[in-house]
Amino acid sequence: MKTLIGLIFLCISFQAASSLNLEARFLVDGEPQFEMNAGQQTNWSFSFLNPSRGMNHRMFMKMHAKEMHMIIIRDDYSHVAHVHPYLDKQTGIFSLDLNTTSVPDFDNQGVIDAVPVGGRYFVFTEVMPMGGDTEKPMLMNRFEVISNGNTPDPIIEDHPEGKDGIDLFFDENGQRGASGDQFKVTFSYEQFDFCDRWLPKFYFEWFERNVDGDYIRAKNFERWLDMGGHSILLDTDKSILKEKLFYHLHAFLPMSTDGEFVFPYHDHKNALPEGNYKIWGQFKHHGKIFTVPVPFKYTVPEDFPVDLNKCK
């Protein structure tokens, strides 16, 4: 298993990093392995070797307040952790302890139970190397980690059509609930013609239950990691990691409409294919981080009433 995953890792790393001439390296408890024990404290570390210099690259630009964003997702999409390894600027090594009993800082709450049960986990990292006279583009890598331990049965979720609107309910602590709880969040998407393709915008609309039991638009959201909201979008149709579609999207705080967060799909070179997806929206409200998971179906309209002259 380690050999197979290692080969996958090397292939993906080369594809992601070759244009920048940096080789991504991933260690688990200081070893080049891709296995760990579920629920046990484990150190993950990352570095980016510059082969021409024979040393790690050490200069990285902060993106949304952090030098690295790392997303960990179980392969049945039942669990997500959004964490941020710390950069040692002397060595160029990013590292973070997972499955800890305490939170090292507010922005790393996800380290607790980051890999809670057995199974296969997808790991996505984002960094922006810099140095010299030019800034480097974002460098994205992906890895697979096998967690040994109790492996629950995979969760099978429905994927209702997202454009119709999907309602979810949460209590004041961010736990999923039912109608009558403190918050209602409605997810939906719209599509806009861009040159010769459709591009979606994803909406999360927040409502809070008042003293009369009515849901009214929620207020008092706060910026987190320099943005009004973050979301992770991942297709759930493909099982091979290198084929999966992954996007880390961002929204501003609500402006004209209370409680409304808008996440534009920012890839203007590639249309989002039709299929099944899951999106995790993350928001800060009254000092708490809420994670809203939504499986949904994305459908592309058959017609395309667009003036192709604007593509010229």
C-alpha atoms as a PDB file:
ATOM      1  CA  MET A   1       0.000   0.000   0.000  1.00  0.00           C
ATOM      2  CA  LYS A   2       2.793   2.453   0.897  1.00  0.00           C
ATOM      3  CA  THR A   3       4.553   1.823  -2.405  1.00  0.00           C
ATOM      4  CA  LEU A   4       1.393   2.380  -4.447  1.00  0.00           C
ATOM      5  CA  ILE A   5       0.519   5.586  -2.621  1.00  0.00           C
ATOM      6  CA  GLY A   6       4.106   6.762  -2.892  1.00  0.00           C
ATOM      7  CA  LEU A   7       3.989   6.353  -6.670  1.00  0.00           C
ATOM      8  CA  ILE A   8       0.745   8.305  -6.802  1.00  0.00           C
ATOM      9  CA  PHE A   9       2.314  11.034  -4.658  1.00  0.00           C
ATOM     10  CA  LEU A  10       5.415  11.339  -6.847  1.00  0.00           C
ATOM     11  CA  CYS A  11       3.350  11.578 -10.006  1.00  0.00           C
ATOM     12  CA  ILE A  12       1.023  14.243  -8.613  1.00  0.00           C
ATOM     13  CA  SER A  13       3.841  16.230  -7.052  1.00  0.00           C
ATOM     14  CA  PHE A  14       5.777  16.340 -10.312  1.00  0.00           C
ATOM     15  CA  GLN A  15       2.750  17.481 -12.275  1.00  0.00           C
ATOM     16  CA  ALA A  16       1.934  20.215  -9.781  1.00  0.00           C
ATOM     17  CA  ALA A  17       5.444  21.493  -9.129  1.00  0.00           C
ATOM     18  CA  SER A  18       7.452  20.908 -12.303  1.00  0.00           C
ATOM     19  CA  SER A  19       6.584  24.292 -13.837  1.00  0.00           C
ATOM     20  CA  LEU A  20       8.134  25.982 -10.793  1.00  0.00           C
ATOM     21  CA  ASN A  21      11.082  23.569 -10.609  1.00  0.00           C
ATOM     22  CA  LEU A  22      10.218  22.734  -7.001  1.00  0.00           C
ATOM     23  CA  GLU A  23       9.823  19.183  -5.723  1.00  0.00           C
ATOM     24  CA  ALA A  24       7.213  18.732  -2.992  1.00  0.00           C
ATOM     25  CA  ARG A  25       8.111  16.410  -0.120  1.00  0.00           C
ATOM     26  CA  PHE A  26       5.681  15.081   2.477  1.00  0.00           C
ATOM     27  CA  LEU A  27       6.679  13.310   5.697  1.00  0.00           C
ATOM     28  CA  VAL A  28       4.556  11.614   8.355  1.00  0.00           C
ATOM     29  CA  ASP A  29       6.278  11.639  11.761  1.00  0.00           C
ATOM     30  CA  GLY A  30       9.523  12.447   9.984  1.00  0.00           C
ATOM     31  CA  GLU A  31       9.352   9.525   7.552  1.00  0.00           C
ATOM     32  CA  PRO A  32       8.493   9.416   3.815  1.00  0.00           C
ATOM     33  CA  GLN A  33       5.409   7.322   4.449  1.00  0.00           C
ATOM     34  CA  PHE A  34       1.736   7.799   3.749  1.00  0.00           C
ATOM     35  CA  GLU A  35       0.139   5.946   6.652  1.00  0.00           C
ATOM     36  CA  MET A  36      -0.790   6.890  10.210  1.00  0.00           C
ATOM     37  CA  ASN A  37      -3.020   5.690  13.033  1.00  0.00           C
ATOM     38  CA  ALA A  38      -6.502   7.134  13.276  1.00  0.00           C
ATOM     39  CA  GLY A  39      -7.089   9.514  16.153  1.00  0.00           C
ATOM     40  CA  GLN A  40      -3.471   9.501  17.353  1.00  0.00           C
ATOM     41  CA  GLN A  41      -1.327  12.616  17.431  1.00  0.00           C
ATOM     42  CA  THR A  42       0.812  12.667  14.306  1.00  0.00           C
ATOM     43  CA  ASN A  43       3.156  15.232  12.786  1.00  0.00           C
ATOM     44  CA  TRP A  44       2.888  16.081   9.108  1.00  0.00           C
ATOM     45  CA  SER A  45       5.626  18.107   7.439  1.00  0.00           C
ATOM     46  CA  PHE A  46       6.070  19.538   3.959  1.00  0.00           C
ATOM     47  CA  SER A  47       8.983  21.062   2.089  1.00  0.00           C
ATOM     48  CA  PHE A  48       9.677  22.208  -1.453  1.00  0.00           C
ATOM     49  CA  LEU A  49      13.131  21.338  -2.734  1.00  0.00           C
ATOM     50  CA  ASN A  50      14.783  23.507  -5.358  1.00  0.00           C
ATOM     51  CA  PRO A  51      16.903  20.920  -7.235  1.00  0.00           C
ATOM     52  CA  SER A  52      19.075  23.532  -8.905  1.00  0.00           C
ATOM     53  CA  ARG A  53      20.169  24.844  -5.505  1.00  0.00           C
ATOM     54  CA  GLY A  54      19.983  21.597  -3.564  1.00  0.00           C
ATOM     55  CA  MET A  55      18.023  23.175  -0.730  1.00  0.00           C
ATOM     56  CA  ASN A  56      14.477  23.884   0.361  1.00  0.00           C
ATOM     57  CA  HIS A  57      12.713  26.952  -0.917  1.00  0.00           C
ATOM     58  CA  ARG A  58      12.130  29.205   2.106  1.00  0.00           C
ATOM     59  CA  MET A  59      10.237  32.262   0.889  1.00  0.00           C
ATOM     60  CA  PHE A  60       6.447  32.051   0.663  1.00  0.00           C
ATOM     61  CA  MET A  61       3.836  34.734   0.378  1.00  0.00           C
ATOM     62  CA  LYS A  62       0.893  34.758   2.762  1.00  0.00           C
ATOM     63  CA  MET A  63      -2.437  33.987   1.110  1.00  0.00           C
ATOM     64  CA  HIS A  64      -5.451  34.836   3.224  1.00  0.00           C
ATOM     65  CA  ALA A  65      -3.266  35.292   6.317  1.00  0.00           C
ATOM     66  CA  LYS A  66      -1.344  31.992   6.011  1.00  0.00           C
ATOM     67  CA  GLU A  67       1.696  30.688   4.120  1.00  0.00           C
ATOM     68  CA  MET A  68      -0.024  27.322   3.598  1.00  0.00           C
ATOM     69  CA  HIS A  69      -3.624  26.209   3.481  1.00  0.00           C
ATOM     70  CA  MET A  70      -4.191  22.469   3.825  1.00  0.00           C
ATOM     71  CA  ILE A  71      -7.510  20.683   3.316  1.00  0.00           C
ATOM     72  CA  ILE A  72      -7.997  17.100   4.564  1.00  0.00           C
ATOM     73  CA  ILE A  73     -11.052  15.208   3.272  1.00  0.00           C
ATOM     74  CA  ARG A  74     -12.061  11.588   3.947  1.00  0.00           C
ATOM     75  CA  ASP A  75     -12.814   9.784   0.690  1.00  0.00           C
ATOM     76  CA  ASP A  76     -16.497   9.300   1.564  1.00  0.00           C
ATOM     77  CA  TYR A  77     -16.719  13.110   2.052  1.00  0.00           C
ATOM     78  CA  SER A  78     -17.994  12.698   5.608  1.00  0.00           C
ATOM     79  CA  HIS A  79     -15.172  14.716   7.155  1.00  0.00           C
ATOM     80  CA  VAL A  80     -13.181  17.839   6.309  1.00  0.00           C
ATOM     81  CA  ALA A  81     -10.428  19.721   8.156  1.00  0.00           C
ATOM     82  CA  HIS A  82      -9.097  23.112   7.030  1.00  0.00           C
ATOM     83  CA  VAL A  83      -5.744  23.680   8.749  1.00  0.00           C
ATOM     84  CA  HIS A  84      -2.546  25.681   8.308  1.00  0.00           C
ATOM     85  CA  PRO A  85       0.927  24.170   8.836  1.00  0.00           C
ATOM     86  CA  TYR A  86       3.520  26.509  10.340  1.00  0.00           C
ATOM     87  CA  LEU A  87       6.530  27.581   8.293  1.00  0.00           C
ATOM     88  CA  ASP A  88      10.029  27.472   9.758  1.00  0.00           C
ATOM     89  CA  LYS A  89      11.692  30.196   7.691  1.00  0.00           C
ATOM     90  CA  GLN A  90      15.150  28.950   8.604  1.00  0.00           C
ATOM     91  CA  THR A  91      14.615  25.474   7.147  1.00  0.00           C
ATOM     92  CA  GLY A  92      11.747  26.003   4.709  1.00  0.00           C
ATOM     93  CA  ILE A  93       9.775  23.203   6.387  1.00  0.00           C
ATOM     94  CA  PHE A  94       6.038  23.459   7.042  1.00  0.00           C
ATOM     95  CA  SER A  95       4.810  21.272   9.907  1.00  0.00           C
ATOM     96  CA  LEU A  96       1.725  20.667  12.007  1.00  0.00           C
ATOM     97  CA  ASP A  97       0.614  18.187  14.664  1.00  0.00           C
ATOM     98  CA  LEU A  98      -2.759  16.607  13.906  1.00  0.00           C
ATOM     99  CA  ASN A  99      -5.220  14.867  16.228  1.00  0.00           C
ATOM    100  CA  THR A 100      -4.158  17.035  19.160  1.00  0.00           C
ATOM    101  CA  THR A 101      -6.076  17.500  22.402  1.00  0.00           C
ATOM    102  CA  SER A 102      -5.774  21.280  22.310  1.00  0.00           C
ATOM    103  CA  VAL A 103      -5.933  24.010  19.679  1.00  0.00           C
ATOM    104  CA  PRO A 104      -2.594  25.769  18.978  1.00  0.00           C
ATOM    105  CA  ASP A 105      -4.379  28.900  17.710  1.00  0.00           C
ATOM    106  CA  PHE A 106      -7.866  29.961  16.663  1.00  0.00           C
ATOM    107  CA  ASP A 107      -7.218  29.413  12.949  1.00  0.00           C
ATOM    108  CA  ASN A 108      -6.166  25.794  13.513  1.00  0.00           C
ATOM    109  CA  GLN A 109      -9.210  24.432  15.293  1.00  0.00           C
ATOM    110  CA  GLY A 110      -9.338  21.665  12.708  1.00  0.00           C
ATOM    111  CA  VAL A 111      -6.249  19.915  14.137  1.00  0.00           C
ATOM    112  CA  ILE A 112      -8.459  18.287  16.771  1.00  0.00           C
ATOM    113  CA  ASP A 113      -9.809  15.079  15.189  1.00  0.00           C
ATOM    114  CA  ALA A 114      -8.230  16.044  11.856  1.00  0.00           C
ATOM    115  CA  VAL A 115      -7.999  12.334  10.930  1.00  0.00           C
ATOM    116  CA  PRO A 116     -10.474  10.759  13.348  1.00  0.00           C
ATOM    117  CA  VAL A 117     -11.200   7.313  11.867  1.00  0.00           C
ATOM    118  CA  GLY A 118      -9.655   4.774   9.550  1.00  0.00           C
ATOM    119  CA  GLY A 119      -9.827   5.041   5.788  1.00  0.00           C
ATOM    120  CA  ARG A 120      -8.397   6.947   2.862  1.00  0.00           C
ATOM    121  CA  TYR A 121      -7.917  10.701   3.071  1.00  0.00           C
ATOM    122  CA  PHE A 122      -7.324  13.244   0.330  1.00  0.00           C
ATOM    123  CA  VAL A 123      -4.895  16.031   1.258  1.00  0.00           C
ATOM    124  CA  PHE A 124      -4.719  19.268  -0.730  1.00  0.00           C
ATOM    125  CA  THR A 125      -2.093  21.968  -0.088  1.00  0.00           C
ATOM    126  CA  GLU A 126      -1.775  25.514  -1.415  1.00  0.00           C
ATOM    127  CA  VAL A 127       1.337  27.703  -1.169  1.00  0.00           C
ATOM    128  CA  MET A 128       2.694  30.687  -3.078  1.00  0.00           C
ATOM    129  CA  PRO A 129       6.507  30.539  -3.447  1.00  0.00           C
ATOM    130  CA  MET A 130       8.249  33.863  -3.957  1.00  0.00           C
ATOM    131  CA  GLY A 131      11.745  35.215  -4.339  1.00  0.00           C
ATOM    132  CA  GLY A 132      13.954  37.148  -6.706  1.00  0.00           C
ATOM    133  CA  ASP A 133      12.303  39.778  -8.869  1.00  0.00           C
ATOM    134  CA  THR A 134       9.105  37.916  -9.641  1.00  0.00           C
ATOM    135  CA  GLU A 135       6.328  36.390  -7.591  1.00  0.00           C
ATOM    136  CA  LYS A 136       5.576  32.736  -8.163  1.00  0.00           C
ATOM    137  CA  PRO A 137       2.054  31.529  -8.985  1.00  0.00           C
ATOM    138  CA  MET A 138       0.127  29.450  -6.497  1.00  0.00           C
ATOM    139  CA  LEU A 139       1.518  25.940  -6.157  1.00  0.00           C
ATOM    140  CA  MET A 140      -1.054  23.234  -5.426  1.00  0.00           C
ATOM    141  CA  ASN A 141      -0.234  19.654  -4.454  1.00  0.00           C
ATOM    142  CA  ARG A 142      -2.361  16.702  -3.480  1.00  0.00           C
ATOM    143  CA  PHE A 143      -1.561  13.532  -1.557  1.00  0.00           C
ATOM    144  CA  GLU A 144      -3.282  10.404  -0.250  1.00  0.00           C
ATOM    145  CA  VAL A 145      -2.928   9.210   3.333  1.00  0.00           C
ATOM    146  CA  ILE A 146      -4.170   5.903   4.699  1.00  0.00           C
ATOM    147  CA  SER A 147      -5.436   6.034   8.277  1.00  0.00           C
ATOM    148  CA  ASN A 148      -5.278   2.726  10.157  1.00  0.00           C
ATOM    149  CA  GLY A 149      -7.978   2.050  12.720  1.00  0.00           C
ATOM    150  CA  ASN A 150     -11.711   1.674  13.035  1.00  0.00           C
ATOM    151  CA  THR A 151     -13.214   2.189   9.585  1.00  0.00           C
ATOM    152  CA  PRO A 152     -16.920   3.047   9.614  1.00  0.00           C
ATOM    153  CA  ASP A 153     -19.129   2.118   6.704  1.00  0.00           C
ATOM    154  CA  PRO A 154     -18.936   4.753   3.951  1.00  0.00           C
ATOM    155  CA  ILE A 155     -21.613   7.416   4.123  1.00  0.00           C
ATOM    156  CA  ILE A 156     -23.882   7.513   1.080  1.00  0.00           C
ATOM    157  CA  GLU A 157     -25.414  10.933   0.465  1.00  0.00           C
ATOM    158  CA  ASP A 158     -28.104  12.171  -1.896  1.00  0.00           C
ATOM    159  CA  HIS A 159     -27.202  14.962  -4.301  1.00  0.00           C
ATOM    160  CA  PRO A 160     -30.272  17.126  -4.831  1.00  0.00           C
ATOM    161  CA  GLU A 161     -30.258  19.715  -7.604  1.00  0.00           C
ATOM    162  CA  GLY A 162     -28.415  22.692  -6.149  1.00  0.00           C
ATOM    163  CA  LYS A 163     -30.095  25.431  -8.182  1.00  0.00           C
ATOM    164  CA  ASP A 164     -33.430  24.608  -6.522  1.00  0.00           C
ATOM    165  CA  GLY A 165     -32.096  25.565  -3.073  1.00  0.00           C
ATOM    166  CA  ILE A 166     -31.061  23.226  -0.256  1.00  0.00           C
ATOM    167  CA  ASP A 167     -31.900  24.051   3.382  1.00  0.00           C
ATOM    168  CA  LEU A 168     -29.772  22.991   6.354  1.00  0.00           C
ATOM    169  CA  PHE A 169     -30.213  23.759  10.055  1.00  0.00           C
ATOM    170  CA  PHE A 170     -27.661  24.320  12.818  1.00  0.00           C
ATOM    171  CA  ASP A 171     -27.715  25.019  16.522  1.00  0.00           C
ATOM    172  CA  GLU A 172     -25.840  27.906  18.147  1.00  0.00           C
ATOM    173  CA  ASN A 173     -22.694  25.717  18.453  1.00  0.00           C
ATOM    174  CA  GLY A 174     -22.598  24.843  14.763  1.00  0.00           C
ATOM    175  CA  GLN A 175     -23.967  21.302  15.105  1.00  0.00           C
ATOM    176  CA  ARG A 176     -26.279  19.985  12.392  1.00  0.00           C
ATOM    177  CA  GLY A 177     -29.898  19.878  13.444  1.00  0.00           C
ATOM    178  CA  ALA A 178     -33.431  20.248  12.148  1.00  0.00           C
ATOM    179  CA  SER A 179     -36.028  22.902  11.502  1.00  0.00           C
ATOM    180  CA  GLY A 180     -36.549  24.947  14.660  1.00  0.00           C
ATOM    181  CA  ASP A 181     -32.856  25.181  15.514  1.00  0.00           C
ATOM    182  CA  GLN A 182     -31.100  28.535  15.790  1.00  0.00           C
ATOM    183  CA  PHE A 183     -29.886  28.870  12.193  1.00  0.00           C
ATOM    184  CA  LYS A 184     -31.149  27.977   8.748  1.00  0.00           C
ATOM    185  CA  VAL A 185     -28.693  28.069   5.830  1.00  0.00           C
ATOM    186  CA  THR A 186     -29.935  27.871   2.240  1.00  0.00           C
ATOM    187  CA  PHE A 187     -27.460  26.817  -0.450  1.00  0.00           C
ATOM    188  CA  SER A 188     -28.052  27.434  -4.156  1.00  0.00           C
ATOM    189  CA  TYR A 189     -26.205  28.348  -7.335  1.00  0.00           C
ATOM    190  CA  GLU A 190     -26.772  30.503 -10.397  1.00  0.00           C
ATOM    191  CA  GLN A 191     -25.023  30.405 -13.762  1.00  0.00           C
ATOM    192  CA  PHE A 192     -23.765  33.313 -15.822  1.00  0.00           C
ATOM    193  CA  ASP A 193     -22.580  33.278 -19.427  1.00  0.00           C
ATOM    194  CA  PHE A 194     -18.891  34.037 -19.768  1.00  0.00           C
ATOM    195  CA  CYS A 195     -17.725  34.207 -23.351  1.00  0.00           C
ATOM    196  CA  ASP A 196     -18.399  30.643 -24.554  1.00  0.00           C
ATOM    197  CA  ARG A 197     -19.226  28.871 -21.301  1.00  0.00           C
ATOM    198  CA  TRP A 198     -21.347  28.982 -18.170  1.00  0.00           C
ATOM    199  CA  LEU A 199     -19.703  29.963 -14.887  1.00  0.00           C
ATOM    200  CA  PRO A 200     -21.517  29.410 -11.586  1.00  0.00           C
ATOM    201  CA  LYS A 201     -21.812  31.476  -8.447  1.00  0.00           C
ATOM    202  CA  PHE A 202     -22.565  29.637  -5.216  1.00  0.00           C
ATOM    203  CA  TYR A 203     -24.752  31.208  -2.552  1.00  0.00           C
ATOM    204  CA  PHE A 204     -25.043  30.528   1.174  1.00  0.00           C
ATOM    205  CA  GLU A 205     -27.894  32.494   2.752  1.00  0.00           C
ATOM    206  CA  TRP A 206     -28.014  32.612   6.546  1.00  0.00           C
ATOM    207  CA  PHE A 207     -31.198  33.036   8.612  1.00  0.00           C
ATOM    208  CA  GLU A 208     -31.485  33.208  12.404  1.00  0.00           C
ATOM    209  CA  ARG A 209     -34.535  32.276  14.460  1.00  0.00           C
ATOM    210  CA  ASN A 210     -35.961  35.211  16.406  1.00  0.00           C
ATOM    211  CA  VAL A 211     -37.993  35.253  19.615  1.00  0.00           C
ATOM    212  CA  ASP A 212     -41.200  34.733  17.623  1.00  0.00           C
ATOM    213  CA  GLY A 213     -39.820  31.584  16.011  1.00  0.00           C
ATOM    214  CA  ASP A 214     -39.427  33.175  12.585  1.00  0.00           C
ATOM    215  CA  TYR A 215     -36.252  32.922  10.524  1.00  0.00           C
ATOM    216  CA  ILE A 216     -34.887  36.332   9.613  1.00  0.00           C
ATOM    217  CA  ARG A 217     -31.656  37.193   7.811  1.00  0.00           C
ATOM    218  CA  ALA A 218     -28.666  36.749  10.103  1.00  0.00           C
ATOM    219  CA  LYS A 219     -26.172  39.519  10.884  1.00  0.00           C
ATOM    220  CA  ASN A 220     -22.939  39.990  12.831  1.00  0.00           C
ATOM    221  CA  PHE A 221     -20.609  37.857  10.723  1.00  0.00           C
ATOM    222  CA  GLU A 222     -16.865  38.394  11.048  1.00  0.00           C
ATOM    223  CA  ARG A 223     -13.913  38.097   8.702  1.00  0.00           C
ATOM    224  CA  TRP A 224     -11.871  34.913   9.008  1.00  0.00           C
ATOM    225  CA  LEU A 225      -8.473  34.438   7.376  1.00  0.00           C
ATOM    226  CA  ASP A 226      -8.794  37.845   5.706  1.00  0.00           C
ATOM    227  CA  MET A 227     -12.072  36.963   3.953  1.00  0.00           C
ATOM    228  CA  GLY A 228     -15.774  36.993   4.691  1.00  0.00           C
ATOM    229  CA  GLY A 229     -16.096  33.283   4.000  1.00  0.00           C
ATOM    230  CA  HIS A 230     -14.228  30.270   2.619  1.00  0.00           C
ATOM    231  CA  SER A 231     -15.536  27.247   0.761  1.00  0.00           C
ATOM    232  CA  ILE A 232     -14.100  23.994  -0.524  1.00  0.00           C
ATOM    233  CA  LEU A 233     -15.625  22.500  -3.673  1.00  0.00           C
ATOM    234  CA  LEU A 234     -14.855  18.885  -4.628  1.00  0.00           C
ATOM    235  CA  ASP A 235     -16.420  16.534  -7.142  1.00  0.00           C
ATOM    236  CA  THR A 236     -17.740  13.281  -5.692  1.00  0.00           C
ATOM    237  CA  ASP A 237     -17.921  11.314  -8.945  1.00  0.00           C
ATOM    238  CA  LYS A 238     -14.251  10.530  -9.501  1.00  0.00           C
ATOM    239  CA  SER A 239     -12.391   8.218  -7.127  1.00  0.00           C
ATOM    240  CA  ILE A 240      -8.855   8.746  -8.475  1.00  0.00           C
ATOM    241  CA  LEU A 241      -7.226  11.650  -6.676  1.00  0.00           C
ATOM    242  CA  LYS A 242      -5.384  13.177  -9.632  1.00  0.00           C
ATOM    243  CA  GLU A 243      -8.660  13.330 -11.602  1.00  0.00           C
ATOM    244  CA  LYS A 244     -10.708  15.074  -8.923  1.00  0.00           C
ATOM    245  CA  LEU A 245     -11.826  18.673  -9.323  1.00  0.00           C
ATOM    246  CA  PHE A 246     -10.856  20.782  -6.314  1.00  0.00           C
ATOM    247  CA  TYR A 247     -11.440  24.483  -5.740  1.00  0.00           C
ATOM    248  CA  HIS A 248     -10.887  26.738  -2.729  1.00  0.00           C
ATOM    249  CA  LEU A 249     -13.322  29.638  -3.169  1.00  0.00           C
ATOM    250  CA  HIS A 250     -13.810  32.855  -1.215  1.00  0.00           C
ATOM    251  CA  ALA A 251     -16.554  35.341  -0.443  1.00  0.00           C
ATOM    252  CA  PHE A 252     -16.750  38.838   0.979  1.00  0.00           C
ATOM    253  CA  LEU A 253     -18.831  39.611   4.036  1.00  0.00           C
ATOM    254  CA  PRO A 254     -22.507  40.274   3.203  1.00  0.00           C
ATOM    255  CA  MET A 255     -22.958  43.748   1.774  1.00  0.00           C
ATOM    256  CA  SER A 256     -26.277  44.626   0.153  1.00  0.00           C
ATOM    257  CA  THR A 257     -28.158  41.610   1.552  1.00  0.00           C
ATOM    258  CA  ASP A 258     -27.817  40.506   5.172  1.00  0.00           C
ATOM    259  CA  GLY A 259     -26.616  36.922   5.602  1.00  0.00           C
ATOM    260  CA  GLU A 260     -25.861  36.377   1.895  1.00  0.00           C
ATOM    261  CA  PHE A 261     -22.424  35.007   0.951  1.00  0.00           C
ATOM    262  CA  VAL A 262     -21.497  34.757  -2.730  1.00  0.00           C
ATOM    263  CA  PHE A 263     -18.694  32.438  -3.880  1.00  0.00           C
ATOM    264  CA  PRO A 264     -17.787  33.008  -7.548  1.00  0.00           C
ATOM    265  CA  TYR A 265     -16.244  30.117  -9.449  1.00  0.00           C
ATOM    266  CA  HIS A 266     -12.895  31.669 -10.340  1.00  0.00           C
ATOM    267  CA  ASP A 267     -11.615  29.313 -13.051  1.00  0.00           C
ATOM    268  CA  HIS A 268     -12.278  31.287 -16.249  1.00  0.00           C
ATOM    269  CA  LYS A 269     -10.311  28.832 -18.382  1.00  0.00           C
ATOM    270  CA  ASN A 270     -12.352  25.739 -17.603  1.00  0.00           C
ATOM    271  CA  ALA A 271     -16.085  25.349 -17.301  1.00  0.00           C
ATOM    272  CA  LEU A 272     -17.329  23.414 -14.290  1.00  0.00           C
ATOM    273  CA  PRO A 273     -18.471  20.015 -15.625  1.00  0.00           C
ATOM    274  CA  GLU A 274     -21.911  18.692 -14.900  1.00  0.00           C
ATOM    275  CA  GLY A 275     -21.994  16.161 -12.069  1.00  0.00           C
ATOM    276  CA  ASN A 276     -22.169  15.540  -8.334  1.00  0.00           C
ATOM    277  CA  TYR A 277     -20.231  17.733  -5.919  1.00  0.00           C
ATOM    278  CA  LYS A 278     -19.874  18.572  -2.270  1.00  0.00           C
ATOM    279  CA  ILE A 279     -19.155  22.047  -1.008  1.00  0.00           C
ATOM    280  CA  TRP A 280     -18.142  23.000   2.515  1.00  0.00           C
ATOM    281  CA  GLY A 281     -18.792  26.653   3.388  1.00  0.00           C
ATOM    282  CA  GLN A 282     -16.967  28.107   6.397  1.00  0.00           C
ATOM    283  CA  PHE A 283     -18.089  31.233   8.215  1.00  0.00           C
ATOM    284  CA  LYS A 284     -17.276  33.077  11.442  1.00  0.00           C
ATOM    285  CA  HIS A 285     -20.235  34.244  13.512  1.00  0.00           C
ATOM    286  CA  HIS A 286     -19.973  35.636  17.036  1.00  0.00           C
ATOM    287  CA  GLY A 287     -16.449  34.244  17.385  1.00  0.00           C
ATOM    288  CA  LYS A 288     -17.305  30.698  16.224  1.00  0.00           C
ATOM    289  CA  ILE A 289     -16.406  28.926  12.979  1.00  0.00           C
ATOM    290  CA  PHE A 290     -19.362  27.219  11.317  1.00  0.00           C
ATOM    291  CA  THR A 291     -18.781  24.582   8.634  1.00  0.00           C
ATOM    292  CA  VAL A 292     -21.749  23.979   6.328  1.00  0.00           C
ATOM    293  CA  PRO A 293     -21.452  20.773   4.223  1.00  0.00           C
ATOM    294  CA  VAL A 294     -23.707  20.507   1.164  1.00  0.00           C
ATOM    295  CA  PRO A 295     -23.766  17.630  -1.359  1.00  0.00           C
ATOM    296  CA  PHE A 296     -25.477  18.754  -4.552  1.00  0.00           C
ATOM    297  CA  LYS A 297     -25.946  18.106  -8.248  1.00  0.00           C
ATOM    298  CA  TYR A 298     -24.652  20.621 -10.779  1.00  0.00           C
ATOM    299  CA  THR A 299     -26.475  20.771 -14.117  1.00  0.00           C
ATOM    300  CA  VAL A 300     -25.392  22.682 -17.212  1.00  0.00           C
ATOM    301  CA  PRO A 301     -28.192  24.295 -19.251  1.00  0.00           C
ATOM    302  CA  GLU A 302     -28.743  22.846 -22.695  1.00  0.00           C
ATOM    303  CA  ASP A 303     -29.108  26.240 -24.341  1.00  0.00           C
ATOM    304  CA  PHE A 304     -26.450  28.923 -24.394  1.00  0.00           C
ATOM    305  CA  PRO A 305     -27.975  32.310 -25.332  1.00  0.00           C
ATOM    306  CA  VAL A 306     -24.699  34.172 -25.478  1.00  0.00           C
ATOM    307  CA  ASP A 307     -23.247  36.673 -27.925  1.00  0.00           C
ATOM    308  CA  LEU A 308     -20.083  34.929 -29.063  1.00  0.00           C
ATOM    309  CA  ASN A 309     -18.813  38.193 -30.526  1.00  0.00           C
ATOM    310  CA  LYS A 310     -17.761  39.255 -27.037  1.00  0.00           C
ATOM    311  CA  CYS A 311     -15.278  36.357 -27.014  1.00  0.00           C
ATOM    312  CA  LYS A 312     -13.221  38.028 -29.733  1.00  0.00           C
END
